[in-house]
Protein backbone atom coordinates (compact mmCIF):
# COMPACT_ATOMS: atom_id res chain seq x y z
CA MET A 1 91.89 103.49 116.17
CA LYS A 2 88.97 103.16 113.80
CA CYS A 3 86.73 100.24 114.75
CA PRO A 4 87.44 97.41 112.31
CA LEU A 5 84.00 95.89 112.71
CA CYS A 6 81.97 98.92 111.59
CA ARG A 7 84.91 100.63 109.80
CA GLY A 8 84.43 103.74 111.89
CA THR A 9 80.78 104.38 111.05
CA GLY A 10 79.54 103.36 114.50
CA THR A 11 76.68 101.35 113.01
CA GLN A 12 75.91 97.86 111.78
CA THR A 13 73.11 96.65 109.56
CA LEU A 14 70.67 93.96 110.70
CA HIS A 15 72.93 92.98 113.60
CA GLY A 16 75.84 92.42 111.24
CA ALA A 17 73.94 90.02 109.01
CA ALA A 18 74.45 90.25 105.29
CA ILE A 19 71.73 89.39 102.84
CA SER A 20 72.20 88.06 99.35
CA MET A 21 70.92 89.76 96.22
CA GLU A 22 68.47 86.88 95.80
CA GLU A 23 67.05 87.57 99.28
CA PHE A 24 66.95 91.32 98.65
CA ILE A 25 64.99 91.04 95.41
CA GLY A 26 63.02 87.98 96.52
CA PRO A 27 59.39 87.77 97.57
CA ASP A 28 60.13 88.24 101.30
CA TRP A 29 61.22 91.86 100.76
CA ASP A 30 58.79 94.52 99.53
CA ASP A 31 59.78 97.95 98.16
CA ASP A 32 59.41 99.64 101.56
CA MET A 33 61.70 97.10 103.20
CA ARG A 34 64.28 97.51 100.43
CA ASP A 35 64.16 101.30 100.77
CA GLY A 36 64.50 100.99 104.53
CA TYR A 37 67.50 98.67 104.23
CA THR A 38 69.36 100.89 101.78
CA SER A 39 68.59 104.06 103.76
CA GLY A 40 69.87 102.63 107.06
CA LEU A 41 66.50 102.11 108.75
CA TYR A 42 67.63 98.76 110.17
CA ASP A 43 71.06 99.97 111.32
CA HIS A 44 71.96 99.86 115.01
CA ALA A 45 74.96 100.77 117.15
CA CYS A 46 78.04 98.66 116.44
CA ASP A 47 78.34 95.69 118.77
CA HIS A 48 82.07 96.21 119.24
CA CYS A 49 82.54 99.98 119.69
CA GLY A 50 79.07 100.79 121.00
CA GLY A 51 78.50 103.35 118.26
CA SER A 52 81.59 105.49 118.78
CA GLY A 53 83.37 104.27 115.66
CA GLU A 54 86.60 104.05 117.67
CA THR A 55 88.18 101.24 119.64
CA THR A 56 91.45 100.22 121.21
CA SER A 57 93.78 98.05 119.22
CA GLU A 58 93.51 95.32 121.85
CA GLY A 59 92.47 92.08 120.18
CA TRP A 60 92.60 93.57 116.69
CA ASP A 61 96.33 93.33 115.96
CA TRP A 62 95.70 90.63 113.35
CA TYR A 63 93.35 92.99 111.53
CA GLN A 64 95.90 95.81 111.41
CA VAL A 65 98.46 93.44 109.92
CA GLU A 66 95.94 92.30 107.30
CA LEU A 67 95.14 95.90 106.36
CA GLN A 68 98.82 96.74 106.01
CA GLU A 69 99.39 93.69 103.83
CA ARG A 70 96.45 94.63 101.60
CA ALA A 71 97.78 98.17 101.26
CA MET A 72 101.15 96.77 100.16
CA GLY A 73 99.48 94.49 97.62
CA ALA A 74 100.16 91.23 99.43
């Protein structure tokens, strides 16, 4: 099955950390850092699937149910 953590891409950004728009446009990020972030420079192999983009369903049953419910409009 497709890895639910990376959604099958095999990569994660900044070790899975999300940044806010305020952080992204703030003084701590220059143009080169922003370009690097949006181009995938800081991406690394997914912690769950090891970069394959695939995983077993073991431990992710709850996620499959949630996806099915979303698809059905629940």
